[in-house]
């Protein structure tokens, strides 16, 4: 039975340590490995007036809080990619293709 769990609790190391009787685990991890993506996310958020836009407006046009958060996610993604590869899991870089393409690739990988 396919099961997809999204969250930060299930790190590659944690998934590898699970001992589940008669169950094959297949895990995929998602993140972004380029700091260029941080800028793209900020520009996208400002153009589409989503939560990023709201955050910037709430800080009187200052992008530093959003930029700091995105850079933190960037650093966590780099670590996650390394750990996923260490334990033999796939890491999908969300900046490598459009959202629809990368989402379809993850689903295909998990279900095959």
N, C-alpha and C. Protein backbone atom coordinates (compact mmCIF):
# COMPACT_ATOMS: atom_id res chain seq x y z
N UNK A 1 0.86 -1.17 0.00
CA UNK A 1 0.00 0.00 0.00
C UNK A 1 0.90 1.23 0.00
N UNK A 2 0.80 2.05 -1.03
CA UNK A 2 1.60 3.29 -1.06
C UNK A 2 1.16 4.26 0.04
N UNK A 3 2.12 4.87 0.65
CA UNK A 3 1.85 5.86 1.68
C UNK A 3 2.86 6.98 1.52
N UNK A 4 2.37 8.18 1.40
CA UNK A 4 3.25 9.34 1.27
C UNK A 4 3.09 10.18 2.52
N UNK A 5 4.19 10.48 3.18
CA UNK A 5 4.19 11.29 4.38
C UNK A 5 5.05 12.51 4.12
N UNK A 6 4.50 13.67 4.38
CA UNK A 6 5.27 14.88 4.21
C UNK A 6 5.60 15.42 5.59
N UNK A 7 6.82 15.82 5.76
CA UNK A 7 7.19 16.38 7.04
C UNK A 7 8.68 16.33 7.29
N UNK A 8 9.11 17.02 8.30
CA UNK A 8 10.53 17.07 8.62
C UNK A 8 10.93 16.08 9.69
N UNK A 9 9.98 15.43 10.31
CA UNK A 9 10.28 14.45 11.35
C UNK A 9 10.97 13.23 10.75
N UNK A 10 10.55 12.87 9.56
CA UNK A 10 11.06 11.65 8.93
C UNK A 10 12.28 11.96 8.07
N UNK A 11 13.41 12.03 8.71
CA UNK A 11 14.67 12.27 8.01
C UNK A 11 15.11 10.97 7.35
N UNK A 12 16.04 11.03 6.41
CA UNK A 12 16.54 9.78 5.81
C UNK A 12 17.06 8.80 6.86
N UNK A 13 17.76 9.30 7.85
CA UNK A 13 18.27 8.41 8.89
C UNK A 13 17.13 7.73 9.65
N UNK A 14 16.09 8.48 9.95
CA UNK A 14 14.94 7.93 10.68
C UNK A 14 14.21 6.88 9.83
N UNK A 15 14.02 7.16 8.57
CA UNK A 15 13.36 6.20 7.68
C UNK A 15 14.17 4.91 7.62
N UNK A 16 15.50 5.06 7.48
CA UNK A 16 16.37 3.88 7.38
C UNK A 16 16.31 3.04 8.65
N UNK A 17 16.09 3.68 9.79
CA UNK A 17 16.09 2.95 11.07
C UNK A 17 14.76 2.24 11.36
N UNK A 18 13.72 2.54 10.61
CA UNK A 18 12.43 1.90 10.86
C UNK A 18 12.49 0.43 10.51
N UNK A 19 12.05 -0.40 11.40
CA UNK A 19 12.00 -1.83 11.17
C UNK A 19 10.53 -2.24 11.12
N UNK A 20 10.00 -2.32 9.92
CA UNK A 20 8.58 -2.66 9.76
C UNK A 20 8.46 -4.03 9.12
N UNK A 21 7.78 -4.91 9.77
CA UNK A 21 7.65 -6.29 9.33
C UNK A 21 6.89 -6.37 8.01
N UNK A 22 7.47 -7.08 7.05
CA UNK A 22 6.85 -7.31 5.75
C UNK A 22 6.45 -6.04 5.01
N UNK A 23 7.22 -4.99 5.18
CA UNK A 23 6.90 -3.74 4.50
C UNK A 23 8.16 -3.16 3.88
N UNK A 24 8.10 -2.93 2.60
CA UNK A 24 9.22 -2.31 1.91
C UNK A 24 9.04 -0.80 1.95
N UNK A 25 10.06 -0.12 2.43
CA UNK A 25 10.00 1.34 2.49
C UNK A 25 10.71 1.95 1.29
N UNK A 26 10.08 2.91 0.70
CA UNK A 26 10.67 3.66 -0.40
C UNK A 26 10.45 5.13 -0.05
N UNK A 27 11.51 5.89 0.01
CA UNK A 27 11.39 7.28 0.42
C UNK A 27 12.00 8.21 -0.62
N UNK A 28 11.39 9.36 -0.73
CA UNK A 28 11.92 10.42 -1.59
C UNK A 28 11.94 11.70 -0.77
N UNK A 29 12.98 12.47 -0.97
CA UNK A 29 13.10 13.73 -0.24
C UNK A 29 13.19 14.86 -1.24
N UNK A 30 12.63 16.00 -0.85
CA UNK A 30 12.49 17.13 -1.76
C UNK A 30 13.09 18.38 -1.13
N UNK A 31 13.79 19.15 -1.93
CA UNK A 31 14.35 20.41 -1.47
C UNK A 31 14.94 21.15 -2.64
N UNK A 32 15.74 22.15 -2.35
CA UNK A 32 16.41 22.90 -3.41
C UNK A 32 17.85 23.14 -3.02
N UNK A 33 18.73 23.01 -4.00
CA UNK A 33 20.16 23.03 -3.70
C UNK A 33 20.88 24.29 -4.18
N UNK A 34 20.15 25.22 -4.77
CA UNK A 34 20.80 26.43 -5.28
C UNK A 34 20.24 27.66 -4.60
N UNK A 35 21.12 28.56 -4.22
CA UNK A 35 20.64 29.80 -3.60
C UNK A 35 19.94 30.71 -4.61
N UNK A 36 20.10 30.44 -5.90
CA UNK A 36 19.38 31.18 -6.94
C UNK A 36 17.88 30.96 -6.77
N UNK A 37 17.51 29.78 -6.31
CA UNK A 37 16.10 29.46 -6.12
C UNK A 37 15.46 30.38 -5.08
N UNK A 38 16.24 30.79 -4.08
CA UNK A 38 15.74 31.71 -3.06
C UNK A 38 15.21 32.98 -3.73
N UNK A 39 15.99 33.53 -4.63
CA UNK A 39 15.58 34.75 -5.33
C UNK A 39 14.35 34.52 -6.19
N UNK A 40 14.30 33.37 -6.85
CA UNK A 40 13.13 33.05 -7.69
C UNK A 40 11.86 32.94 -6.85
N UNK A 41 11.97 32.33 -5.68
CA UNK A 41 10.81 32.18 -4.79
C UNK A 41 10.34 33.56 -4.33
N UNK A 42 11.26 34.41 -3.95
CA UNK A 42 10.89 35.75 -3.49
C UNK A 42 10.22 36.54 -4.62
N UNK A 43 10.78 36.49 -5.80
CA UNK A 43 10.18 37.20 -6.93
C UNK A 43 8.81 36.64 -7.27
N UNK A 44 8.69 35.33 -7.25
CA UNK A 44 7.40 34.69 -7.53
C UNK A 44 6.35 35.12 -6.49
N UNK A 45 6.74 35.11 -5.24
CA UNK A 45 5.83 35.51 -4.16
C UNK A 45 5.38 36.95 -4.27
N UNK A 46 6.29 37.80 -4.65
CA UNK A 46 5.94 39.22 -4.80
C UNK A 46 5.00 39.43 -6.00
N UNK A 47 5.22 38.70 -7.07
CA UNK A 47 4.40 38.85 -8.26
C UNK A 47 3.01 38.24 -8.08
N UNK A 48 2.93 37.16 -7.32
CA UNK A 48 1.65 36.46 -7.16
C UNK A 48 0.91 36.85 -5.89
N UNK A 49 1.49 37.76 -5.16
CA UNK A 49 0.87 38.27 -3.93
C UNK A 49 0.41 37.15 -3.00
N UNK A 50 1.34 36.26 -2.70
CA UNK A 50 1.04 35.18 -1.76
C UNK A 50 1.59 35.53 -0.38
N UNK A 51 1.86 34.54 0.45
CA UNK A 51 2.31 34.80 1.81
C UNK A 51 3.63 35.55 1.85
N UNK A 52 4.45 35.36 0.83
CA UNK A 52 5.73 36.08 0.78
C UNK A 52 5.47 37.57 0.61
N UNK A 53 4.59 37.88 -0.30
CA UNK A 53 4.19 39.28 -0.52
C UNK A 53 3.65 39.88 0.78
N UNK A 54 2.75 39.15 1.43
CA UNK A 54 2.16 39.64 2.68
C UNK A 54 3.23 39.87 3.74
N UNK A 55 4.17 38.94 3.85
CA UNK A 55 5.23 39.08 4.84
C UNK A 55 6.07 40.32 4.56
N UNK A 56 6.43 40.54 3.32
CA UNK A 56 7.23 41.71 2.95
C UNK A 56 6.45 42.99 3.23
N UNK A 57 5.18 43.01 2.89
CA UNK A 57 4.35 44.19 3.15
C UNK A 57 4.22 44.45 4.65
N UNK A 58 4.08 43.39 5.43
CA UNK A 58 3.97 43.54 6.88
C UNK A 58 5.25 44.05 7.52
N UNK A 59 6.35 43.92 6.80
CA UNK A 59 7.64 44.43 7.29
C UNK A 59 8.08 45.66 6.50
N UNK A 60 7.09 46.41 6.04
CA UNK A 60 7.32 47.68 5.35
C UNK A 60 8.26 47.56 4.16
N UNK A 61 8.09 46.50 3.39
CA UNK A 61 8.89 46.31 2.19
C UNK A 61 10.23 45.63 2.41
N UNK A 62 10.54 45.30 3.65
CA UNK A 62 11.81 44.66 3.96
C UNK A 62 11.72 43.16 3.67
N UNK A 63 12.58 42.67 2.78
CA UNK A 63 12.59 41.26 2.37
C UNK A 63 13.47 40.39 3.26
N UNK A 64 14.15 40.99 4.21
CA UNK A 64 15.18 40.25 4.95
C UNK A 64 14.64 39.05 5.72
N UNK A 65 13.44 39.15 6.31
CA UNK A 65 12.89 38.01 7.07
C UNK A 65 12.60 36.83 6.14
N UNK A 66 11.99 37.11 4.99
CA UNK A 66 11.70 36.04 4.03
C UNK A 66 13.00 35.47 3.48
N UNK A 67 13.91 36.34 3.14
CA UNK A 67 15.20 35.91 2.60
C UNK A 67 15.95 35.04 3.61
N UNK A 68 15.92 35.42 4.88
CA UNK A 68 16.59 34.66 5.93
C UNK A 68 15.95 33.27 6.07
N UNK A 69 14.62 33.21 6.06
CA UNK A 69 13.93 31.93 6.16
C UNK A 69 14.26 31.04 4.96
N UNK A 70 14.21 31.60 3.76
CA UNK A 70 14.49 30.81 2.55
C UNK A 70 15.94 30.34 2.52
N UNK A 71 16.85 31.16 2.97
CA UNK A 71 18.26 30.73 3.01
C UNK A 71 18.44 29.60 4.03
N UNK A 72 17.69 29.66 5.14
CA UNK A 72 17.72 28.56 6.11
C UNK A 72 17.20 27.27 5.49
N UNK A 73 16.11 27.36 4.72
CA UNK A 73 15.58 26.19 4.03
C UNK A 73 16.58 25.67 3.00
N UNK A 74 17.28 26.58 2.36
CA UNK A 74 18.31 26.19 1.39
C UNK A 74 19.39 25.36 2.07
N UNK A 75 19.87 25.83 3.21
CA UNK A 75 20.92 25.11 3.92
C UNK A 75 20.41 23.74 4.41
N UNK A 76 19.16 23.68 4.88
CA UNK A 76 18.59 22.40 5.31
C UNK A 76 18.44 21.45 4.13
N UNK A 77 18.09 21.99 2.96
CA UNK A 77 17.95 21.16 1.77
C UNK A 77 19.28 20.54 1.36
N UNK A 78 20.34 21.30 1.46
CA UNK A 78 21.67 20.77 1.14
C UNK A 78 22.01 19.61 2.06
N UNK A 79 21.75 19.78 3.34
CA UNK A 79 22.00 18.72 4.32
C UNK A 79 21.11 17.51 4.05
N UNK A 80 19.83 17.77 3.74
CA UNK A 80 18.89 16.69 3.47
C UNK A 80 19.30 15.90 2.23
N UNK A 81 19.75 16.59 1.21
CA UNK A 81 20.20 15.92 -0.01
C UNK A 81 21.37 14.98 0.29
N UNK A 82 22.32 15.47 1.04
CA UNK A 82 23.49 14.67 1.41
C UNK A 82 23.08 13.44 2.22
N UNK A 83 22.19 13.63 3.19
CA UNK A 83 21.77 12.52 4.03
C UNK A 83 20.94 11.51 3.23
N UNK A 84 20.08 12.01 2.35
CA UNK A 84 19.26 11.10 1.52
C UNK A 84 20.16 10.22 0.67
N UNK A 85 21.15 10.82 0.04
CA UNK A 85 22.07 10.06 -0.80
C UNK A 85 22.88 9.06 0.02
N UNK A 86 23.26 9.46 1.23
CA UNK A 86 24.02 8.58 2.12
C UNK A 86 23.25 7.29 2.41
N UNK A 87 21.94 7.40 2.58
CA UNK A 87 21.12 6.24 2.92
C UNK A 87 20.44 5.60 1.71
N UNK A 88 20.80 6.05 0.52
CA UNK A 88 20.30 5.43 -0.69
C UNK A 88 18.91 5.87 -1.13
N UNK A 89 18.47 7.03 -0.69
CA UNK A 89 17.16 7.54 -1.08
C UNK A 89 17.31 8.61 -2.16
N UNK A 90 16.26 8.79 -2.92
CA UNK A 90 16.25 9.81 -3.97
C UNK A 90 15.99 11.18 -3.37
N UNK A 91 16.65 12.17 -3.92
CA UNK A 91 16.40 13.57 -3.57
C UNK A 91 15.96 14.26 -4.85
N UNK A 92 14.83 14.90 -4.81
CA UNK A 92 14.31 15.63 -5.96
C UNK A 92 14.49 17.12 -5.71
N UNK A 93 15.18 17.74 -6.63
CA UNK A 93 15.45 19.17 -6.52
C UNK A 93 14.30 19.91 -7.18
N UNK A 94 13.56 20.68 -6.40
CA UNK A 94 12.35 21.33 -6.93
C UNK A 94 12.65 22.42 -7.95
N UNK A 95 13.87 22.84 -8.03
CA UNK A 95 14.19 23.88 -9.00
C UNK A 95 14.63 23.30 -10.35
N UNK A 96 14.75 21.99 -10.44
CA UNK A 96 15.24 21.36 -11.66
C UNK A 96 14.20 21.33 -12.77
N UNK A 97 12.92 21.49 -12.40
CA UNK A 97 11.86 21.46 -13.41
C UNK A 97 10.64 22.20 -12.84
N UNK A 98 9.60 22.27 -13.63
CA UNK A 98 8.38 22.91 -13.15
C UNK A 98 7.77 22.08 -12.02
N UNK A 99 6.91 22.72 -11.26
CA UNK A 99 6.27 22.03 -10.13
C UNK A 99 5.55 20.77 -10.60
N UNK A 100 4.80 20.87 -11.68
CA UNK A 100 4.04 19.72 -12.17
C UNK A 100 4.96 18.57 -12.56
N UNK A 101 6.06 18.88 -13.24
CA UNK A 101 6.98 17.84 -13.68
C UNK A 101 7.66 17.17 -12.48
N UNK A 102 8.17 17.97 -11.56
CA UNK A 102 8.87 17.35 -10.42
C UNK A 102 7.89 16.56 -9.56
N UNK A 103 6.66 17.06 -9.37
CA UNK A 103 5.65 16.34 -8.60
C UNK A 103 5.33 15.00 -9.27
N UNK A 104 5.15 15.01 -10.58
CA UNK A 104 4.88 13.76 -11.30
C UNK A 104 6.05 12.79 -11.19
N UNK A 105 7.28 13.31 -11.24
CA UNK A 105 8.47 12.46 -11.11
C UNK A 105 8.54 11.80 -9.73
N UNK A 106 8.22 12.56 -8.69
CA UNK A 106 8.23 12.00 -7.34
C UNK A 106 7.17 10.91 -7.21
N UNK A 107 5.97 11.19 -7.69
CA UNK A 107 4.89 10.22 -7.59
C UNK A 107 5.24 8.95 -8.37
N UNK A 108 5.76 9.12 -9.57
CA UNK A 108 6.15 7.96 -10.38
C UNK A 108 7.21 7.13 -9.66
N UNK A 109 8.20 7.80 -9.10
CA UNK A 109 9.26 7.09 -8.38
C UNK A 109 8.70 6.31 -7.20
N UNK A 110 7.81 6.93 -6.42
CA UNK A 110 7.28 6.26 -5.24
C UNK A 110 6.34 5.11 -5.57
N UNK A 111 5.67 5.19 -6.70
CA UNK A 111 4.67 4.17 -7.02
C UNK A 111 5.19 3.06 -7.92
N UNK A 112 6.44 3.14 -8.37
CA UNK A 112 6.97 2.08 -9.22
C UNK A 112 7.94 1.21 -8.44
